[in-house]
Amino acid sequence: RGRYRLRAVKVSSRYPFGFFSKDRNCEAEAECVCYPE
């Protein structure tokens, strides 16, 4: 339970040749109140 804020999602890719896996965090603002179970 609690108040949660989604600030970012992880974007990853192996483009173009698949030699490396790179990732970065992309901002994505959202908020949710999680009620008790």
PDB file of all heavy atoms in Angstrom:
ATOM      1  N   ARG A   1       0.830  -1.202   0.000  1.00  0.00           N
ATOM      2  CA  ARG A   1       0.000   0.000   0.000  1.00  0.00           C
ATOM      3  C   ARG A   1       0.868   1.257   0.000  1.00  0.00           C
ATOM      4  O   ARG A   1       2.044   1.232   0.373  1.00  0.00           O
ATOM      5  CB  ARG A   1      -0.911  -0.003   1.230  1.00  0.00           C
ATOM      6  CG  ARG A   1      -0.147   0.073   2.546  1.00  0.00           C
ATOM      7  CD  ARG A   1      -1.050  -0.091   3.751  1.00  0.00           C
ATOM      8  NE  ARG A   1      -0.270  -0.054   4.989  1.00  0.00           N
ATOM      9  CZ  ARG A   1      -0.022   1.049   5.677  1.00  0.00           C
ATOM     10  NH1 ARG A   1      -0.502   2.207   5.248  1.00  0.00           N
ATOM     11  NH2 ARG A   1       0.676   1.018   6.784  1.00  0.00           N
ATOM     12  N   GLY A   2       0.259   2.385  -0.395  1.00  0.00           N
ATOM     13  CA  GLY A   2       0.969   3.658  -0.377  1.00  0.00           C
ATOM     14  C   GLY A   2       0.658   4.477  -1.622  1.00  0.00           C
ATOM     15  O   GLY A   2      -0.105   4.056  -2.494  1.00  0.00           O
ATOM     16  N   ARG A   3       1.252   5.646  -1.690  1.00  0.00           N
ATOM     17  CA  ARG A   3       1.139   6.507  -2.864  1.00  0.00           C
ATOM     18  C   ARG A   3       2.409   6.346  -3.693  1.00  0.00           C
ATOM     19  O   ARG A   3       3.521   6.515  -3.182  1.00  0.00           O
ATOM     20  CB  ARG A   3       0.965   7.963  -2.450  1.00  0.00           C
ATOM     21  CG  ARG A   3       0.659   8.900  -3.623  1.00  0.00           C
ATOM     22  CD  ARG A   3       0.726  10.365  -3.205  1.00  0.00           C
ATOM     23  NE  ARG A   3      -0.176  10.653  -2.119  1.00  0.00           N
ATOM     24  CZ  ARG A   3      -1.469  10.954  -2.273  1.00  0.00           C
ATOM     25  NH1 ARG A   3      -1.976  11.009  -3.488  1.00  0.00           N
ATOM     26  NH2 ARG A   3      -2.236  11.206  -1.223  1.00  0.00           N
ATOM     27  N   TYR A   4       2.245   6.026  -4.962  1.00  0.00           N
ATOM     28  CA  TYR A   4       3.378   5.763  -5.831  1.00  0.00           C
ATOM     29  C   TYR A   4       3.335   6.698  -7.035  1.00  0.00           C
ATOM     30  O   TYR A   4       2.255   7.016  -7.539  1.00  0.00           O
ATOM     31  CB  TYR A   4       3.372   4.306  -6.316  1.00  0.00           C
ATOM     32  CG  TYR A   4       3.588   3.297  -5.213  1.00  0.00           C
ATOM     33  CD1 TYR A   4       2.502   2.729  -4.547  1.00  0.00           C
ATOM     34  CD2 TYR A   4       4.869   2.918  -4.838  1.00  0.00           C
ATOM     35  CE1 TYR A   4       2.700   1.810  -3.529  1.00  0.00           C
ATOM     36  CE2 TYR A   4       5.079   1.999  -3.834  1.00  0.00           C
ATOM     37  CZ  TYR A   4       3.991   1.444  -3.176  1.00  0.00           C
ATOM     38  OH  TYR A   4       4.181   0.530  -2.174  1.00  0.00           O
ATOM     39  N   ARG A   5       4.513   7.075  -7.466  1.00  0.00           N
ATOM     40  CA  ARG A   5       4.640   7.927  -8.647  1.00  0.00           C
ATOM     41  C   ARG A   5       5.566   7.248  -9.644  1.00  0.00           C
ATOM     42  O   ARG A   5       6.711   6.907  -9.324  1.00  0.00           O
ATOM     43  CB  ARG A   5       5.186   9.290  -8.266  1.00  0.00           C
ATOM     44  CG  ARG A   5       5.404  10.232  -9.448  1.00  0.00           C
ATOM     45  CD  ARG A   5       5.693  11.632  -8.996  1.00  0.00           C
ATOM     46  NE  ARG A   5       4.524  12.229  -8.363  1.00  0.00           N
ATOM     47  CZ  ARG A   5       4.511  13.437  -7.812  1.00  0.00           C
ATOM     48  NH1 ARG A   5       5.613  14.158  -7.809  1.00  0.00           N
ATOM     49  NH2 ARG A   5       3.421  13.895  -7.258  1.00  0.00           N
ATOM     50  N   LEU A   6       5.048   7.033 -10.833  1.00  0.00           N
ATOM     51  CA  LEU A   6       5.856   6.497 -11.927  1.00  0.00           C
ATOM     52  C   LEU A   6       6.576   7.661 -12.593  1.00  0.00           C
ATOM     53  O   LEU A   6       5.935   8.553 -13.161  1.00  0.00           O
ATOM     54  CB  LEU A   6       4.962   5.763 -12.928  1.00  0.00           C
ATOM     55  CG  LEU A   6       5.657   5.172 -14.159  1.00  0.00           C
ATOM     56  CD1 LEU A   6       6.657   4.102 -13.745  1.00  0.00           C
ATOM     57  CD2 LEU A   6       4.636   4.609 -15.130  1.00  0.00           C
ATOM     58  N   ARG A   7       7.890   7.663 -12.514  1.00  0.00           N
ATOM     59  CA  ARG A   7       8.674   8.782 -13.032  1.00  0.00           C
ATOM     60  C   ARG A   7       9.326   8.480 -14.372  1.00  0.00           C
ATOM     61  O   ARG A   7       9.578   9.408 -15.154  1.00  0.00           O
ATOM     62  CB  ARG A   7       9.758   9.173 -12.011  1.00  0.00           C
ATOM     63  CG  ARG A   7       9.192   9.594 -10.669  1.00  0.00           C
ATOM     64  CD  ARG A   7      10.293  10.059  -9.734  1.00  0.00           C
ATOM     65  NE  ARG A   7       9.773  10.432  -8.424  1.00  0.00           N
ATOM     66  CZ  ARG A   7       9.266  11.619  -8.137  1.00  0.00           C
ATOM     67  NH1 ARG A   7       9.221  12.554  -9.062  1.00  0.00           N
ATOM     68  NH2 ARG A   7       8.798  11.874  -6.923  1.00  0.00           N
ATOM     69  N   ALA A   8       9.641   7.211 -14.634  1.00  0.00           N
ATOM     70  CA  ALA A   8      10.343   6.886 -15.874  1.00  0.00           C
ATOM     71  C   ALA A   8      10.135   5.414 -16.220  1.00  0.00           C
ATOM     72  O   ALA A   8       9.828   4.594 -15.351  1.00  0.00           O
ATOM     73  CB  ALA A   8      11.838   7.191 -15.748  1.00  0.00           C
ATOM     74  N   VAL A   9      10.294   5.112 -17.488  1.00  0.00           N
ATOM     75  CA  VAL A   9      10.335   3.728 -17.959  1.00  0.00           C
ATOM     76  C   VAL A   9      11.678   3.510 -18.654  1.00  0.00           C
ATOM     77  O   VAL A   9      12.280   4.448 -19.205  1.00  0.00           O
ATOM     78  CB  VAL A   9       9.171   3.422 -18.929  1.00  0.00           C
ATOM     79  CG1 VAL A   9       7.840   3.503 -18.218  1.00  0.00           C
ATOM     80  CG2 VAL A   9       9.187   4.360 -20.126  1.00  0.00           C
ATOM     81  N   LYS A  10      12.151   2.292 -18.599  1.00  0.00           N
ATOM     82  CA  LYS A  10      13.448   1.978 -19.201  1.00  0.00           C
ATOM     83  C   LYS A  10      13.234   1.550 -20.653  1.00  0.00           C
ATOM     84  O   LYS A  10      12.469   0.617 -20.930  1.00  0.00           O
ATOM     85  CB  LYS A  10      14.156   0.878 -18.428  1.00  0.00           C
ATOM     86  CG  LYS A  10      15.568   0.599 -18.944  1.00  0.00           C
ATOM     87  CD  LYS A  10      16.310  -0.369 -18.049  1.00  0.00           C
ATOM     88  CE  LYS A  10      15.807  -1.777 -18.250  1.00  0.00           C
ATOM     89  NZ  LYS A  10      16.648  -2.760 -17.537  1.00  0.00           N
ATOM     90  N   VAL A  11      13.909   2.252 -21.557  1.00  0.00           N
ATOM     91  CA  VAL A  11      13.869   1.929 -22.980  1.00  0.00           C
ATOM     92  C   VAL A  11      15.216   1.316 -23.350  1.00  0.00           C
ATOM     93  O   VAL A  11      16.267   1.927 -23.126  1.00  0.00           O
ATOM     94  CB  VAL A  11      13.607   3.193 -23.834  1.00  0.00           C
ATOM     95  CG1 VAL A  11      13.518   2.822 -25.305  1.00  0.00           C
ATOM     96  CG2 VAL A  11      12.334   3.882 -23.382  1.00  0.00           C
ATOM     97  N   SER A  12      15.204   0.121 -23.895  1.00  0.00           N
ATOM     98  CA  SER A  12      16.447  -0.569 -24.263  1.00  0.00           C
ATOM     99  C   SER A  12      16.351  -1.059 -25.704  1.00  0.00           C
ATOM    100  O   SER A  12      15.256  -1.264 -26.245  1.00  0.00           O
ATOM    101  CB  SER A  12      16.722  -1.751 -23.327  1.00  0.00           C
ATOM    102  OG  SER A  12      15.647  -2.675 -23.355  1.00  0.00           O
ATOM    103  N   SER A  13      17.531  -1.228 -26.317  1.00  0.00           N
ATOM    104  CA  SER A  13      17.565  -1.653 -27.718  1.00  0.00           C
ATOM    105  C   SER A  13      18.924  -2.277 -28.031  1.00  0.00           C
ATOM    106  O   SER A  13      19.939  -1.906 -27.427  1.00  0.00           O
ATOM    107  CB  SER A  13      17.310  -0.463 -28.651  1.00  0.00           C
ATOM    108  OG  SER A  13      17.412  -0.864 -29.998  1.00  0.00           O
ATOM    109  N   ARG A  14      18.912  -3.219 -28.984  1.00  0.00           N
ATOM    110  CA  ARG A  14      20.148  -3.802 -29.508  1.00  0.00           C
ATOM    111  C   ARG A  14      20.395  -3.372 -30.956  1.00  0.00           C
ATOM    112  O   ARG A  14      21.226  -3.948 -31.642  1.00  0.00           O
ATOM    113  CB  ARG A  14      20.076  -5.328 -29.423  1.00  0.00           C
ATOM    114  CG  ARG A  14      19.982  -5.849 -27.999  1.00  0.00           C
ATOM    115  CD  ARG A  14      19.862  -7.362 -27.972  1.00  0.00           C
ATOM    116  NE  ARG A  14      21.029  -7.987 -28.576  1.00  0.00           N
ATOM    117  CZ  ARG A  14      21.114  -9.296 -28.856  1.00  0.00           C
ATOM    118  NH1 ARG A  14      20.092 -10.067 -28.589  1.00  0.00           N
ATOM    119  NH2 ARG A  14      22.199  -9.780 -29.401  1.00  0.00           N
ATOM    120  N   TYR A  15      19.658  -2.377 -31.366  1.00  0.00           N
ATOM    121  CA  TYR A  15      19.825  -1.850 -32.725  1.00  0.00           C
ATOM    122  C   TYR A  15      21.188  -1.151 -32.834  1.00  0.00           C
ATOM    123  O   TYR A  15      21.631  -0.521 -31.868  1.00  0.00           O
ATOM    124  CB  TYR A  15      18.684  -0.861 -33.017  1.00  0.00           C
ATOM    125  CG  TYR A  15      18.760  -0.175 -34.340  1.00  0.00           C
ATOM    126  CD1 TYR A  15      18.300  -0.790 -35.487  1.00  0.00           C
ATOM    127  CD2 TYR A  15      19.313   1.109 -34.433  1.00  0.00           C
ATOM    128  CE1 TYR A  15      18.367  -0.141 -36.715  1.00  0.00           C
ATOM    129  CE2 TYR A  15      19.381   1.755 -35.653  1.00  0.00           C
ATOM    130  CZ  TYR A  15      18.912   1.120 -36.787  1.00  0.00           C
ATOM    131  OH  TYR A  15      18.977   1.758 -37.993  1.00  0.00           O
ATOM    132  N   PRO A  16      21.925  -1.243 -33.967  1.00  0.00           N
ATOM    133  CA  PRO A  16      21.490  -1.853 -35.228  1.00  0.00           C
ATOM    134  C   PRO A  16      21.975  -3.283 -35.477  1.00  0.00           C
ATOM    135  O   PRO A  16      21.367  -4.031 -36.232  1.00  0.00           O
ATOM    136  CB  PRO A  16      22.117  -0.924 -36.262  1.00  0.00           C
ATOM    137  CG  PRO A  16      23.385  -0.470 -35.606  1.00  0.00           C
ATOM    138  CD  PRO A  16      23.099  -0.390 -34.137  1.00  0.00           C
ATOM    139  N   PHE A  17      23.107  -3.682 -34.846  1.00  0.00           N
ATOM    140  CA  PHE A  17      23.718  -4.958 -35.213  1.00  0.00           C
ATOM    141  C   PHE A  17      23.587  -6.010 -34.113  1.00  0.00           C
ATOM    142  O   PHE A  17      24.027  -7.147 -34.323  1.00  0.00           O
ATOM    143  CB  PHE A  17      25.211  -4.752 -35.552  1.00  0.00           C
ATOM    144  CG  PHE A  17      25.450  -3.734 -36.630  1.00  0.00           C
ATOM    145  CD1 PHE A  17      26.293  -2.658 -36.409  1.00  0.00           C
ATOM    146  CD2 PHE A  17      24.820  -3.845 -37.857  1.00  0.00           C
ATOM    147  CE1 PHE A  17      26.510  -1.717 -37.396  1.00  0.00           C
ATOM    148  CE2 PHE A  17      25.033  -2.898 -38.849  1.00  0.00           C
ATOM    149  CZ  PHE A  17      25.872  -1.833 -38.617  1.00  0.00           C
ATOM    150  N   GLY A  18      23.042  -5.649 -32.983  1.00  0.00           N
ATOM    151  CA  GLY A  18      22.890  -6.621 -31.912  1.00  0.00           C
ATOM    152  C   GLY A  18      24.150  -6.890 -31.114  1.00  0.00           C
ATOM    153  O   GLY A  18      24.202  -7.835 -30.327  1.00  0.00           O
ATOM    154  N   PHE A  19      25.203  -6.051 -31.310  1.00  0.00           N
ATOM    155  CA  PHE A  19      26.442  -6.261 -30.571  1.00  0.00           C
ATOM    156  C   PHE A  19      26.336  -5.760 -29.135  1.00  0.00           C
ATOM    157  O   PHE A  19      26.975  -6.291 -28.230  1.00  0.00           O
ATOM    158  CB  PHE A  19      27.608  -5.552 -31.271  1.00  0.00           C
ATOM    159  CG  PHE A  19      27.922  -6.123 -32.624  1.00  0.00           C
ATOM    160  CD1 PHE A  19      28.505  -5.330 -33.601  1.00  0.00           C
ATOM    161  CD2 PHE A  19      27.642  -7.444 -32.927  1.00  0.00           C
ATOM    162  CE1 PHE A  19      28.815  -5.841 -34.853  1.00  0.00           C
ATOM    163  CE2 PHE A  19      27.935  -7.975 -34.173  1.00  0.00           C
ATOM    164  CZ  PHE A  19      28.510  -7.164 -35.136  1.00  0.00           C
ATOM    165  N   PHE A  20      25.561  -4.704 -28.923  1.00  0.00           N
ATOM    166  CA  PHE A  20      25.442  -4.085 -27.603  1.00  0.00           C
ATOM    167  C   PHE A  20      23.967  -3.967 -27.235  1.00  0.00           C
ATOM    168  O   PHE A  20      23.105  -3.809 -28.107  1.00  0.00           O
ATOM    169  CB  PHE A  20      26.076  -2.680 -27.581  1.00  0.00           C
ATOM    170  CG  PHE A  20      27.477  -2.633 -28.099  1.00  0.00           C
ATOM    171  CD1 PHE A  20      27.739  -2.221 -29.401  1.00  0.00           C
ATOM    172  CD2 PHE A  20      28.524  -2.999 -27.285  1.00  0.00           C
ATOM    173  CE1 PHE A  20      29.030  -2.176 -29.880  1.00  0.00           C
ATOM    174  CE2 PHE A  20      29.822  -2.952 -27.759  1.00  0.00           C
ATOM    175  CZ  PHE A  20      30.084  -2.543 -29.060  1.00  0.00           C
ATOM    176  N   SER A  21      23.709  -4.013 -25.964  1.00  0.00           N
ATOM    177  CA  SER A  21      22.362  -3.715 -25.449  1.00  0.00           C
ATOM    178  C   SER A  21      22.455  -2.406 -24.679  1.00  0.00           C
ATOM    179  O   SER A  21      23.084  -2.343 -23.616  1.00  0.00           O
ATOM    180  CB  SER A  21      21.862  -4.838 -24.536  1.00  0.00           C
ATOM    181  OG  SER A  21      20.595  -4.519 -24.017  1.00  0.00           O
ATOM    182  N   LYS A  22      21.838  -1.365 -25.222  1.00  0.00           N
ATOM    183  CA  LYS A  22      21.885  -0.051 -24.591  1.00  0.00           C
ATOM    184  C   LYS A  22      20.506   0.288 -24.045  1.00  0.00           C
ATOM    185  O   LYS A  22      19.485  -0.118 -24.604  1.00  0.00           O
ATOM    186  CB  LYS A  22      22.314   1.014 -25.602  1.00  0.00           C
ATOM    187  CG  LYS A  22      23.742   0.843 -26.102  1.00  0.00           C
ATOM    188  CD  LYS A  22      24.133   2.000 -27.005  1.00  0.00           C
ATOM    189  CE  LYS A  22      25.587   1.860 -27.470  1.00  0.00           C
ATOM    190  NZ  LYS A  22      26.002   2.995 -28.326  1.00  0.00           N
ATOM    191  N   ASP A  23      20.504   1.047 -22.975  1.00  0.00           N
ATOM    192  CA  ASP A  23      19.219   1.448 -22.402  1.00  0.00           C
ATOM    193  C   ASP A  23      19.340   2.853 -21.832  1.00  0.00           C
ATOM    194  O   ASP A  23      20.430   3.342 -21.536  1.00  0.00           O
ATOM    195  CB  ASP A  23      18.769   0.472 -21.310  1.00  0.00           C
ATOM    196  CG  ASP A  23      19.740   0.357 -20.158  1.00  0.00           C
ATOM    197  OD1 ASP A  23      19.788   1.294 -19.341  1.00  0.00           O
ATOM    198  OD2 ASP A  23      20.454  -0.659 -20.063  1.00  0.00           O
ATOM    199  N   ARG A  24      18.188   3.492 -21.692  1.00  0.00           N
ATOM    200  CA  ARG A  24      18.098   4.814 -21.075  1.00  0.00           C
ATOM    201  C   ARG A  24      16.722   4.923 -20.439  1.00  0.00           C
ATOM    202  O   ARG A  24      15.788   4.209 -20.812  1.00  0.00           O
ATOM    203  CB  ARG A  24      18.282   5.916 -22.104  1.00  0.00           C
ATOM    204  CG  ARG A  24      17.310   5.853 -23.255  1.00  0.00           C
ATOM    205  CD  ARG A  24      17.289   7.111 -24.084  1.00  0.00           C
ATOM    206  NE  ARG A  24      16.666   8.210 -23.371  1.00  0.00           N
ATOM    207  CZ  ARG A  24      16.350   9.374 -23.923  1.00  0.00           C
ATOM    208  NH1 ARG A  24      16.629   9.582 -25.193  1.00  0.00           N
ATOM    209  NH2 ARG A  24      15.778  10.321 -23.229  1.00  0.00           N
ATOM    210  N   ASN A  25      16.618   5.800 -19.439  1.00  0.00           N
ATOM    211  CA  ASN A  25      15.332   6.048 -18.783  1.00  0.00           C
ATOM    212  C   ASN A  25      14.622   7.197 -19.480  1.00  0.00           C
ATOM    213  O   ASN A  25      15.184   8.273 -19.664  1.00  0.00           O
ATOM    214  CB  ASN A  25      15.526   6.374 -17.302  1.00  0.00           C
ATOM    215  CG  ASN A  25      15.904   5.154 -16.483  1.00  0.00           C
ATOM    216  OD1 ASN A  25      15.628   4.020 -16.881  1.00  0.00           O
ATOM    217  ND2 ASN A  25      16.541   5.362 -15.348  1.00  0.00           N
ATOM    218  N   CYS A  26      13.383   6.936 -19.842  1.00  0.00           N
ATOM    219  CA  CYS A  26      12.565   7.937 -20.521  1.00  0.00           C
ATOM    220  C   CYS A  26      11.488   8.411 -19.550  1.00  0.00           C
ATOM    221  O   CYS A  26      10.763   7.595 -18.967  1.00  0.00           O
ATOM    222  CB  CYS A  26      11.932   7.319 -21.763  1.00  0.00           C
ATOM    223  SG  CYS A  26      11.203   8.510 -22.891  1.00  0.00           S
ATOM    224  N   GLU A  27      11.407   9.709 -19.331  1.00  0.00           N
ATOM    225  CA  GLU A  27      10.460  10.251 -18.363  1.00  0.00           C
ATOM    226  C   GLU A  27       9.024   9.912 -18.746  1.00  0.00           C
ATOM    227  O   GLU A  27       8.624  10.008 -19.905  1.00  0.00           O
ATOM    228  CB  GLU A  27      10.610  11.769 -18.264  1.00  0.00           C
ATOM    229  CG  GLU A  27      11.932  12.214 -17.658  1.00  0.00           C
ATOM    230  CD  GLU A  27      11.996  13.721 -17.484  1.00  0.00           C
ATOM    231  OE1 GLU A  27      10.986  14.386 -17.818  1.00  0.00           O
ATOM    232  OE2 GLU A  27      13.032  14.228 -17.013  1.00  0.00           O
ATOM    233  N   ALA A  28       8.259   9.522 -17.717  1.00  0.00           N
ATOM    234  CA  ALA A  28       6.831   9.213 -17.902  1.00  0.00           C
ATOM    235  C   ALA A  28       6.145   9.430 -16.564  1.00  0.00           C
ATOM    236  O   ALA A  28       6.226   8.587 -15.669  1.00  0.00           O
ATOM    237  CB  ALA A  28       6.641   7.780 -18.385  1.00  0.00           C
ATOM    238  N   GLU A  29       5.495  10.553 -16.395  1.00  0.00           N
ATOM    239  CA  GLU A  29       4.894  10.918 -15.118  1.00  0.00           C
ATOM    240  C   GLU A  29       3.479  10.331 -14.982  1.00  0.00           C
ATOM    241  O   GLU A  29       2.632  10.510 -15.852  1.00  0.00           O
ATOM    242  CB  GLU A  29       4.824  12.445 -14.979  1.00  0.00           C
ATOM    243  CG  GLU A  29       6.177  13.104 -14.757  1.00  0.00           C
ATOM    244  CD  GLU A  29       6.750  12.802 -13.387  1.00  0.00           C
ATOM    245  OE1 GLU A  29       5.958  12.517 -12.467  1.00  0.00           O
ATOM    246  OE2 GLU A  29       7.987  12.853 -13.238  1.00  0.00           O
ATOM    247  N   ALA A  30       3.263   9.612 -13.874  1.00  0.00           N
ATOM    248  CA  ALA A  30       1.938   9.091 -13.538  1.00  0.00           C
ATOM    249  C   ALA A  30       1.929   8.800 -12.047  1.00  0.00           C
ATOM    250  O   ALA A  30       2.981   8.545 -11.434  1.00  0.00           O
ATOM    251  CB  ALA A  30       1.612   7.842 -14.342  1.00  0.00           C
ATOM    252  N   GLU A  31       0.739   8.833 -11.442  1.00  0.00           N
ATOM    253  CA  GLU A  31       0.612   8.644  -9.997  1.00  0.00           C
ATOM    254  C   GLU A  31      -0.544   7.712  -9.693  1.00  0.00           C
ATOM    255  O   GLU A  31      -1.568   7.704 -10.395  1.00  0.00           O
ATOM    256  CB  GLU A  31       0.395   9.989  -9.302  1.00  0.00           C
ATOM    257  CG  GLU A  31       0.480   9.917  -7.785  1.00  0.00           C
ATOM    258  CD  GLU A  31       0.398  11.273  -7.123  1.00  0.00           C
ATOM    259  OE1 GLU A  31       1.421  11.992  -7.121  1.00  0.00           O
ATOM    260  OE2 GLU A  31      -0.692  11.615  -6.622  1.00  0.00           O
ATOM    261  N   CYS A  32      -0.365   6.912  -8.652  1.00  0.00           N
ATOM    262  CA  CYS A  32      -1.386   5.924  -8.282  1.00  0.00           C
ATOM    263  C   CYS A  32      -1.359   5.729  -6.771  1.00  0.00           C
ATOM    264  O   CYS A  32      -0.285   5.688  -6.158  1.00  0.00           O
ATOM    265  CB  CYS A  32      -1.125   4.598  -8.996  1.00  0.00           C
ATOM    266  SG  CYS A  32      -2.285   3.278  -8.590  1.00  0.00           S
ATOM    267  N   VAL A  33      -2.546   5.623  -6.162  1.00  0.00           N
ATOM    268  CA  VAL A  33      -2.672   5.281  -4.746  1.00  0.00           C
ATOM    269  C   VAL A  33      -2.995   3.799  -4.658  1.00  0.00           C
ATOM    270  O   VAL A  33      -4.004   3.343  -5.213  1.00  0.00           O
ATOM    271  CB  VAL A  33      -3.764   6.116  -4.057  1.00  0.00           C
ATOM    272  CG1 VAL A  33      -3.950   5.654  -2.617  1.00  0.00           C
ATOM    273  CG2 VAL A  33      -3.400   7.595  -4.096  1.00  0.00           C
ATOM    274  N   CYS A  34      -2.139   3.066  -3.992  1.00  0.00           N
ATOM    275  CA  CYS A  34      -2.312   1.616  -3.867  1.00  0.00           C
ATOM    276  C   CYS A  34      -3.030   1.310  -2.551  1.00  0.00           C
ATOM    277  O   CYS A  34      -2.479   1.541  -1.468  1.00  0.00           O
ATOM    278  CB  CYS A  34      -0.960   0.912  -3.921  1.00  0.00           C
ATOM    279  SG  CYS A  34      -1.082  -0.884  -3.851  1.00  0.00           S
ATOM    280  N   TYR A  35      -4.262   0.810  -2.644  1.00  0.00           N
ATOM    281  CA  TYR A  35      -5.038   0.459  -1.466  1.00  0.00           C
ATOM    282  C   TYR A  35      -4.469  -0.808  -0.818  1.00  0.00           C
ATOM    283  O   TYR A  35      -3.772  -1.594  -1.471  1.00  0.00           O
ATOM    284  CB  TYR A  35      -6.496   0.213  -1.839  1.00  0.00           C
ATOM    285  CG  TYR A  35      -7.254   1.441  -2.285  1.00  0.00           C
ATOM    286  CD1 TYR A  35      -8.435   1.342  -3.008  1.00  0.00           C
ATOM    287  CD2 TYR A  35      -6.781   2.722  -1.998  1.00  0.00           C
ATOM    288  CE1 TYR A  35      -9.132   2.468  -3.419  1.00  0.00           C
ATOM    289  CE2 TYR A  35      -7.475   3.851  -2.404  1.00  0.00           C
ATOM    290  CZ  TYR A  35      -8.646   3.715  -3.117  1.00  0.00           C
ATOM    291  OH  TYR A  35      -9.334   4.830  -3.514  1.00  0.00           O
ATOM    292  N   PRO A  36      -4.761  -1.037   0.461  1.00  0.00           N
ATOM    293  CA  PRO A  36      -4.291  -2.280   1.099  1.00  0.00           C
ATOM    294  C   PRO A  36      -4.857  -3.512   0.404  1.00  0.00           C
ATOM    295  O   PRO A  36      -5.896  -3.458  -0.270  1.00  0.00           O
ATOM    296  CB  PRO A  36      -4.815  -2.157   2.539  1.00  0.00           C
ATOM    297  CG  PRO A  36      -5.062  -0.706   2.739  1.00  0.00           C
ATOM    298  CD  PRO A  36      -5.456  -0.150   1.409  1.00  0.00           C
ATOM    299  N   GLU A  37      -4.190  -4.617   0.605  1.00  0.00           N
ATOM    300  CA  GLU A  37      -4.646  -5.879   0.018  1.00  0.00           C
ATOM    301  C   GLU A  37      -6.000  -6.277   0.610  1.00  0.00           C
ATOM    302  O   GLU A  37      -6.198  -6.221   1.822  1.00  0.00           O
ATOM    303  CB  GLU A  37      -3.619  -6.972   0.289  1.00  0.00           C
ATOM    304  CG  GLU A  37      -4.012  -8.335  -0.238  1.00  0.00           C
ATOM    305  CD  GLU A  37      -3.036  -9.417   0.168  1.00  0.00           C
ATOM    306  OE1 GLU A  37      -2.113  -9.109   0.955  1.00  0.00           O
ATOM    307  OE2 GLU A  37      -3.191 -10.562  -0.291  1.00  0.00           O
TER     308      GLU A  37
END
